[in-house]
Protein backbone atom coordinates (compact mmCIF):
# COMPACT_ATOMS: atom_id res chain seq x y z
CA VAL A 1 -92.02 3.34 -5.31
CA LYS A 2 -94.95 3.31 -2.70
CA THR A 3 -95.43 -0.24 -3.36
CA TYR A 4 -91.85 -0.96 -2.32
CA GLU A 5 -92.26 0.75 0.79
CA ARG A 6 -95.79 -1.15 1.32
CA GLU A 7 -93.91 -4.47 0.71
CA PHE A 8 -91.05 -3.59 3.34
CA LYS A 9 -93.64 -3.42 6.11
CA TYR A 10 -95.00 -6.90 5.36
CA MET A 11 -91.95 -8.73 4.92
CA HIS A 12 -90.94 -11.37 7.39
CA PRO A 13 -88.11 -10.31 9.42
CA PHE A 14 -85.76 -13.08 7.99
CA GLU A 15 -86.42 -11.97 4.24
CA LYS A 16 -85.96 -8.24 5.45
CA VAL A 17 -82.75 -8.88 6.85
CA VAL A 18 -81.54 -10.84 3.52
CA MET A 19 -82.75 -8.07 1.42
CA GLU A 20 -81.21 -5.38 3.58
CA LEU A 21 -77.94 -7.31 3.29
CA THR A 22 -78.24 -7.46 -0.62
CA ILE A 23 -78.96 -4.01 -0.70
CA ARG A 24 -76.12 -3.05 1.40
CA ALA A 25 -73.88 -5.17 -0.67
CA ARG A 26 -75.02 -3.34 -3.65
CA GLN A 27 -74.49 0.02 -1.85
CA LYS A 28 -70.96 -0.78 -0.93
CA ARG A 29 -70.10 -1.81 -4.80
CA ASP A 30 -72.07 0.98 -6.69
CA GLY A 31 -72.60 3.92 -3.92
CA LEU A 32 -76.29 3.96 -4.68
CA THR A 33 -78.91 3.46 -1.99
CA LEU A 34 -82.54 1.95 -2.59
CA SER A 35 -83.79 5.35 -1.15
CA LYS A 36 -82.11 7.33 -3.34
CA LEU A 37 -82.90 5.60 -6.33
CA LEU A 38 -86.44 5.62 -5.29
CA ASP A 39 -86.47 9.09 -4.37
CA ASP A 40 -85.03 9.82 -7.85
CA VAL A 41 -87.46 7.99 -9.83
CA HIS A 42 -90.68 9.53 -7.71
CA GLN A 43 -88.96 13.17 -8.66
CA GLY A 44 -88.78 12.26 -12.04
CA ARG A 45 -91.98 10.96 -12.14
CA LYS A 46 -93.60 14.15 -10.66
CA GLU A 47 -91.90 15.90 -13.49
CA LEU A 48 -92.93 13.89 -16.23
CA LEU A 49 -96.52 14.05 -14.89
CA SER A 50 -96.52 17.91 -14.45
CA LEU A 51 -94.74 17.86 -18.36
CA SER A 52 -97.35 15.42 -19.72
CA LYS A 53 -100.16 17.72 -18.50
CA ASP A 54 -98.69 20.76 -20.22
CA TRP A 55 -98.68 18.43 -23.29
CA ILE A 56 -101.99 17.14 -22.86
CA TYR A 57 -103.48 20.56 -22.79
CA LYS A 58 -101.63 21.81 -25.88
CA ILE A 59 -102.89 18.77 -27.92
CA LYS A 60 -106.63 18.96 -26.54
CA ASN A 61 -106.58 22.64 -27.69
CA ALA A 62 -105.10 22.08 -31.18
CA ALA A 63 -106.71 23.81 -34.06
CA SER A 64 -106.86 20.82 -36.10
CA ALA A 65 -106.37 17.03 -36.01
CA ARG A 66 -103.29 17.40 -37.83
CA GLU A 67 -101.70 19.77 -35.46
CA SER A 68 -102.95 17.48 -32.54
CA PHE A 69 -101.07 14.59 -33.98
CA ASP A 70 -97.85 16.61 -34.61
CA TYR A 71 -98.06 17.86 -30.73
CA THR A 72 -98.62 13.93 -29.57
CA GLU A 73 -95.56 13.00 -31.64
CA GLU A 74 -93.61 15.71 -30.45
CA ALA A 75 -94.55 15.11 -26.78
CA LYS A 76 -93.66 11.38 -27.23
CA GLU A 77 -90.05 12.34 -28.28
CA VAL A 78 -89.83 15.11 -25.68
CA LEU A 79 -91.36 13.03 -22.86
CA ALA A 80 -88.77 10.06 -23.72
CA ASN A 81 -86.17 12.20 -23.62
CA VAL A 82 -87.16 13.68 -20.43
CA PHE A 83 -87.32 10.21 -19.16
CA ILE A 84 -83.84 9.00 -20.16
CA ASP A 85 -82.47 12.20 -18.71
CA LEU A 86 -84.27 11.91 -15.41
CA ILE A 87 -85.03 8.26 -14.57
CA GLN A 88 -83.14 6.02 -16.80
CA GLU A 89 -79.88 5.72 -14.47
CA SER A 90 -82.16 5.27 -11.30
CA TRP A 91 -84.45 2.96 -12.93
CA THR A 92 -81.64 0.90 -14.21
CA GLY A 93 -80.21 1.12 -10.72
CA ILE A 94 -83.65 -0.47 -9.53
CA ALA A 95 -83.97 -3.25 -12.29
CA GLU A 96 -79.81 -4.17 -11.12
CA LEU A 97 -80.97 -4.51 -7.66
CA GLN A 98 -84.17 -6.68 -8.65
CA LYS A 99 -81.69 -9.06 -10.51
CA SER A 100 -79.74 -9.44 -7.38
CA LEU A 101 -82.71 -9.83 -5.30
CA ARG A 102 -83.66 -12.73 -7.40
CA ASN A 103 -80.54 -14.55 -7.16
CA VAL A 104 -81.06 -14.84 -3.36
CA PRO A 105 -81.64 -17.97 -2.38
CA ILE A 106 -85.18 -18.95 -1.30
CA VAL A 107 -85.89 -20.08 2.17
CA ARG A 108 -89.20 -21.90 3.03
CA LEU A 109 -89.88 -20.27 6.29
CA ASP A 110 -92.77 -22.79 7.13
CA CYS A 111 -90.43 -25.79 7.17
CA PRO A 112 -87.59 -26.26 9.42
CA ALA A 113 -84.10 -26.07 8.04
CA VAL A 114 -80.66 -27.37 8.69
CA VAL A 115 -77.68 -25.12 8.04
CA LEU A 116 -74.04 -26.25 7.45
CA VAL A 117 -71.36 -23.48 8.11
CA GLY A 118 -67.66 -24.34 7.93
CA ALA A 119 -64.46 -23.43 6.23
CA PRO A 120 -63.78 -24.62 2.59
CA ASN A 121 -63.09 -28.27 2.03
CA VAL A 122 -64.18 -29.96 5.58
CA GLY A 123 -66.87 -32.04 4.22
CA LYS A 124 -70.05 -30.02 4.35
CA SER A 125 -71.51 -31.11 0.80
CA SER A 126 -70.21 -34.90 1.58
CA ILE A 127 -72.64 -34.70 4.68
CA VAL A 128 -75.46 -33.22 2.60
CA ARG A 129 -74.77 -36.22 -0.13
CA ALA A 130 -74.44 -38.84 2.64
CA ILE A 131 -77.86 -37.80 4.62
CA SER A 132 -80.23 -36.60 1.95
CA SER A 133 -80.99 -36.73 -1.93
CA GLY A 134 -79.38 -33.18 -2.15
CA THR A 135 -77.08 -32.29 -4.77
CA PRO A 136 -75.35 -29.31 -3.30
CA GLU A 137 -73.40 -27.11 -5.76
CA VAL A 138 -69.62 -27.66 -5.03
CA ASN A 139 -67.00 -25.19 -6.63
CA ASN A 140 -63.03 -24.62 -5.87
CA TYR A 141 -62.79 -21.59 -3.76
CA PRO A 142 -59.25 -20.42 -2.46
CA PHE A 143 -58.69 -21.36 1.10
CA ALA A 144 -56.69 -18.43 2.75
């Protein structure tokens, strides 16, 4: 959770804007914000940590090795169920957001860039093919 916050500080402004736009698009679609997901994961992590400390105490103070083993197996099951109940939905939301961010085009900020903007079917891809070795992706889009 803290890594996300730390990474935001050191991002290039362009990358930060692209990331924020991607996050906002996901928020409009799913209604979940990154800060809410991270808060949920952080709260669940704290609860799991507290619960695991209780189980560790119980395991350490078991009367026999067999009892310790049984407590360990029970703890695995209980902690897995608590994880699923508390964190899984938020964890999945973060994973889906990361997938969305991976699909964002990479822009090399240390190189000059030219951007062609225009309506569909006006020849942007034809210009790119004519003046470079680039092979733009061409799709049929409805024109309104």
